Amino acid sequence: MKSYTVETYVGERDATVTFDFYPGKPGVYSGPPEKCYEDEPDDLEVTRVVIDGNEYQCTEDELEELTNRMYETGWQLVNDAKEQA
């Protein structure tokens, strides 16, 4: 899992958000059984939110909305890194 820090918003306030993101892997379902495995799902955890220089505790609704947006951001960062490699 890799950690990212991005500038975004929470509600109507500017925020700096740090999150850990693992982009998952598709499973392998054909070939010898010993080489097969199930999908590994994406995993994301928001680890820190800072607003106006202070750590901020999100409400459940804010955290859910922020987590959904960070999945998009996480995938964009992963894809950008692949393009630069």
N, C-alpha and C. Protein backbone atom coordinates (compact mmCIF):
# COMPACT_ATOMS: atom_id res chain seq x y z
N MET A 1 0.86 -1.17 0.00
CA MET A 1 0.00 0.00 0.00
C MET A 1 0.91 1.23 0.00
N LYS A 2 0.56 2.20 -0.83
CA LYS A 2 1.35 3.42 -0.93
C LYS A 2 0.55 4.59 -0.36
N SER A 3 1.27 5.52 0.26
CA SER A 3 0.64 6.69 0.86
C SER A 3 0.73 7.88 -0.08
N TYR A 4 -0.36 8.64 -0.17
CA TYR A 4 -0.44 9.83 -1.02
C TYR A 4 -0.97 10.99 -0.19
N THR A 5 -0.54 12.21 -0.53
CA THR A 5 -1.08 13.42 0.08
C THR A 5 -1.52 14.34 -1.05
N VAL A 6 -2.76 14.81 -0.98
CA VAL A 6 -3.32 15.66 -2.03
C VAL A 6 -4.06 16.85 -1.41
N GLU A 7 -4.15 17.90 -2.20
CA GLU A 7 -4.96 19.07 -1.82
C GLU A 7 -6.35 18.86 -2.40
N THR A 8 -7.37 18.98 -1.58
CA THR A 8 -8.74 18.76 -2.02
C THR A 8 -9.66 19.61 -1.15
N TYR A 9 -10.85 19.14 -0.90
CA TYR A 9 -11.79 19.87 -0.06
C TYR A 9 -12.61 18.88 0.76
N VAL A 10 -13.10 19.38 1.87
CA VAL A 10 -14.05 18.65 2.72
C VAL A 10 -15.20 19.62 2.94
N GLY A 11 -16.38 19.26 2.47
CA GLY A 11 -17.48 20.21 2.49
C GLY A 11 -17.11 21.36 1.57
N GLU A 12 -17.08 22.56 2.11
CA GLU A 12 -16.69 23.73 1.32
C GLU A 12 -15.33 24.27 1.73
N ARG A 13 -14.59 23.50 2.54
CA ARG A 13 -13.29 23.95 3.05
C ARG A 13 -12.14 23.26 2.34
N ASP A 14 -11.07 24.03 2.05
CA ASP A 14 -9.86 23.45 1.49
C ASP A 14 -9.23 22.54 2.53
N ALA A 15 -8.66 21.42 2.06
CA ALA A 15 -8.08 20.45 2.99
C ALA A 15 -6.88 19.76 2.35
N THR A 16 -5.96 19.31 3.18
CA THR A 16 -4.87 18.44 2.77
C THR A 16 -5.20 17.06 3.31
N VAL A 17 -5.28 16.09 2.40
CA VAL A 17 -5.71 14.74 2.78
C VAL A 17 -4.58 13.75 2.47
N THR A 18 -4.28 12.91 3.45
CA THR A 18 -3.32 11.83 3.27
C THR A 18 -4.11 10.53 3.32
N PHE A 19 -3.82 9.65 2.35
CA PHE A 19 -4.51 8.37 2.31
C PHE A 19 -3.59 7.29 1.80
N ASP A 20 -3.84 6.06 2.23
CA ASP A 20 -3.12 4.88 1.75
C ASP A 20 -4.00 4.21 0.71
N PHE A 21 -3.37 3.80 -0.40
CA PHE A 21 -4.13 3.20 -1.49
C PHE A 21 -3.41 1.99 -2.05
N TYR A 22 -4.14 0.90 -2.19
CA TYR A 22 -3.67 -0.31 -2.86
C TYR A 22 -4.62 -0.57 -4.02
N PRO A 23 -4.10 -0.58 -5.27
CA PRO A 23 -4.99 -0.68 -6.42
C PRO A 23 -5.53 -2.07 -6.74
N GLY A 24 -5.33 -3.03 -5.89
CA GLY A 24 -5.89 -4.37 -6.14
C GLY A 24 -5.28 -5.05 -7.35
N LYS A 25 -5.68 -6.28 -7.58
CA LYS A 25 -5.20 -7.06 -8.73
C LYS A 25 -6.33 -7.96 -9.21
N PRO A 26 -6.44 -8.12 -10.53
CA PRO A 26 -7.45 -9.06 -11.04
C PRO A 26 -7.01 -10.49 -10.74
N GLY A 27 -7.98 -11.35 -10.53
CA GLY A 27 -7.68 -12.75 -10.27
C GLY A 27 -7.30 -13.50 -11.53
N VAL A 28 -6.78 -14.68 -11.33
CA VAL A 28 -6.46 -15.59 -12.43
C VAL A 28 -7.31 -16.83 -12.22
N TYR A 29 -8.12 -17.15 -13.23
CA TYR A 29 -9.09 -18.23 -13.10
C TYR A 29 -8.90 -19.35 -14.10
N SER A 30 -7.84 -19.29 -14.88
CA SER A 30 -7.60 -20.36 -15.84
C SER A 30 -6.17 -20.84 -15.70
N GLY A 31 -5.92 -22.03 -16.18
CA GLY A 31 -4.60 -22.61 -16.06
C GLY A 31 -4.57 -23.59 -14.90
N PRO A 32 -3.38 -24.02 -14.52
CA PRO A 32 -3.26 -25.00 -13.43
C PRO A 32 -3.82 -24.41 -12.13
N PRO A 33 -4.53 -25.23 -11.35
CA PRO A 33 -5.15 -24.73 -10.12
C PRO A 33 -4.17 -24.04 -9.18
N GLU A 34 -2.94 -24.52 -9.12
CA GLU A 34 -1.95 -23.92 -8.21
C GLU A 34 -1.53 -22.51 -8.64
N LYS A 35 -1.85 -22.12 -9.88
CA LYS A 35 -1.51 -20.78 -10.37
C LYS A 35 -2.72 -19.84 -10.35
N CYS A 36 -3.87 -20.34 -9.92
CA CYS A 36 -5.09 -19.53 -9.90
C CYS A 36 -5.28 -18.87 -8.54
N TYR A 37 -5.88 -17.68 -8.57
CA TYR A 37 -6.22 -16.99 -7.33
C TYR A 37 -7.34 -16.00 -7.61
N GLU A 38 -8.05 -15.62 -6.53
CA GLU A 38 -9.18 -14.70 -6.65
C GLU A 38 -8.70 -13.25 -6.79
N ASP A 39 -9.64 -12.39 -7.22
CA ASP A 39 -9.34 -10.95 -7.30
C ASP A 39 -8.90 -10.44 -5.93
N GLU A 40 -7.97 -9.48 -5.95
CA GLU A 40 -7.62 -8.74 -4.74
C GLU A 40 -8.27 -7.37 -4.90
N PRO A 41 -9.21 -7.00 -4.03
CA PRO A 41 -9.93 -5.74 -4.19
C PRO A 41 -9.05 -4.53 -3.89
N ASP A 42 -9.46 -3.38 -4.43
CA ASP A 42 -8.81 -2.12 -4.07
C ASP A 42 -8.97 -1.91 -2.57
N ASP A 43 -8.02 -1.18 -2.00
CA ASP A 43 -8.11 -0.86 -0.57
C ASP A 43 -7.66 0.58 -0.39
N LEU A 44 -8.42 1.34 0.37
CA LEU A 44 -8.10 2.74 0.61
C LEU A 44 -8.47 3.11 2.04
N GLU A 45 -7.56 3.84 2.69
CA GLU A 45 -7.84 4.33 4.03
C GLU A 45 -7.38 5.78 4.12
N VAL A 46 -8.29 6.68 4.45
CA VAL A 46 -7.92 8.08 4.71
C VAL A 46 -7.26 8.09 6.08
N THR A 47 -6.01 8.56 6.14
CA THR A 47 -5.26 8.51 7.39
C THR A 47 -5.13 9.86 8.08
N ARG A 48 -5.31 10.95 7.31
CA ARG A 48 -5.16 12.27 7.93
C ARG A 48 -5.86 13.33 7.08
N VAL A 49 -6.56 14.24 7.75
CA VAL A 49 -7.20 15.37 7.09
C VAL A 49 -6.79 16.61 7.87
N VAL A 50 -6.24 17.60 7.15
CA VAL A 50 -5.81 18.85 7.77
C VAL A 50 -6.56 20.00 7.11
N ILE A 51 -7.19 20.83 7.95
CA ILE A 51 -7.89 22.03 7.49
C ILE A 51 -7.36 23.20 8.30
N ASP A 52 -6.95 24.27 7.61
CA ASP A 52 -6.41 25.46 8.28
C ASP A 52 -5.28 25.12 9.24
N GLY A 53 -4.42 24.15 8.85
CA GLY A 53 -3.26 23.80 9.66
C GLY A 53 -3.56 22.91 10.85
N ASN A 54 -4.81 22.53 11.03
CA ASN A 54 -5.19 21.68 12.16
C ASN A 54 -5.75 20.36 11.69
N GLU A 55 -5.39 19.28 12.39
CA GLU A 55 -5.95 17.98 12.06
C GLU A 55 -7.46 18.03 12.27
N TYR A 56 -8.20 17.45 11.33
CA TYR A 56 -9.65 17.53 11.33
C TYR A 56 -10.24 16.13 11.43
N GLN A 57 -11.25 15.96 12.27
CA GLN A 57 -11.96 14.70 12.40
C GLN A 57 -13.23 14.78 11.55
N CYS A 58 -13.28 14.04 10.46
CA CYS A 58 -14.44 14.05 9.56
C CYS A 58 -15.63 13.37 10.21
N THR A 59 -16.82 13.83 9.83
CA THR A 59 -18.03 13.10 10.20
C THR A 59 -18.08 11.84 9.34
N GLU A 60 -18.96 10.92 9.67
CA GLU A 60 -19.10 9.69 8.87
C GLU A 60 -19.46 10.01 7.43
N ASP A 61 -20.38 10.94 7.22
CA ASP A 61 -20.78 11.31 5.86
C ASP A 61 -19.63 11.96 5.10
N GLU A 62 -18.89 12.86 5.75
CA GLU A 62 -17.74 13.49 5.10
C GLU A 62 -16.69 12.45 4.73
N LEU A 63 -16.43 11.52 5.64
CA LEU A 63 -15.43 10.49 5.38
C LEU A 63 -15.84 9.58 4.24
N GLU A 64 -17.10 9.22 4.17
CA GLU A 64 -17.58 8.37 3.08
C GLU A 64 -17.43 9.09 1.73
N GLU A 65 -17.84 10.35 1.67
CA GLU A 65 -17.74 11.12 0.42
C GLU A 65 -16.27 11.32 0.04
N LEU A 66 -15.43 11.61 1.01
CA LEU A 66 -14.00 11.82 0.76
C LEU A 66 -13.35 10.53 0.29
N THR A 67 -13.67 9.42 0.91
CA THR A 67 -13.10 8.13 0.52
C THR A 67 -13.48 7.79 -0.92
N ASN A 68 -14.72 8.02 -1.29
CA ASN A 68 -15.14 7.76 -2.68
C ASN A 68 -14.34 8.61 -3.67
N ARG A 69 -14.13 9.88 -3.34
CA ARG A 69 -13.34 10.74 -4.24
C ARG A 69 -11.87 10.31 -4.28
N MET A 70 -11.33 9.85 -3.15
CA MET A 70 -9.92 9.48 -3.10
C MET A 70 -9.66 8.19 -3.88
N TYR A 71 -10.67 7.31 -4.03
CA TYR A 71 -10.50 6.15 -4.91
C TYR A 71 -10.19 6.62 -6.33
N GLU A 72 -10.95 7.59 -6.81
CA GLU A 72 -10.69 8.15 -8.15
C GLU A 72 -9.29 8.76 -8.22
N THR A 73 -8.95 9.55 -7.21
CA THR A 73 -7.64 10.20 -7.17
C THR A 73 -6.53 9.16 -7.10
N GLY A 74 -6.72 8.14 -6.28
CA GLY A 74 -5.71 7.09 -6.16
C GLY A 74 -5.44 6.41 -7.48
N TRP A 75 -6.51 6.05 -8.20
CA TRP A 75 -6.33 5.42 -9.51
C TRP A 75 -5.64 6.36 -10.49
N GLN A 76 -5.98 7.65 -10.44
CA GLN A 76 -5.33 8.62 -11.34
C GLN A 76 -3.84 8.69 -11.04
N LEU A 77 -3.47 8.72 -9.77
CA LEU A 77 -2.06 8.78 -9.39
C LEU A 77 -1.31 7.52 -9.82
N VAL A 78 -1.93 6.35 -9.67
CA VAL A 78 -1.32 5.10 -10.08
C VAL A 78 -1.11 5.10 -11.59
N ASN A 79 -2.13 5.50 -12.35
CA ASN A 79 -2.03 5.52 -13.81
C ASN A 79 -1.00 6.55 -14.29
N ASP A 80 -0.94 7.72 -13.63
CA ASP A 80 0.07 8.72 -14.00
C ASP A 80 1.47 8.17 -13.79
N ALA A 81 1.68 7.45 -12.68
CA ALA A 81 3.00 6.88 -12.40
C ALA A 81 3.38 5.85 -13.45
N LYS A 82 2.42 5.04 -13.91
CA LYS A 82 2.68 4.05 -14.96
C LYS A 82 3.09 4.72 -16.26
N GLU A 83 2.42 5.84 -16.60
CA GLU A 83 2.73 6.55 -17.83
C GLU A 83 4.13 7.17 -17.80
N GLN A 84 4.57 7.57 -16.63
CA GLN A 84 5.89 8.21 -16.50
C GLN A 84 7.01 7.19 -16.43
N ALA A 85 6.66 5.93 -16.17
CA ALA A 85 7.70 4.87 -16.04
C ALA A 85 8.24 4.45 -17.39
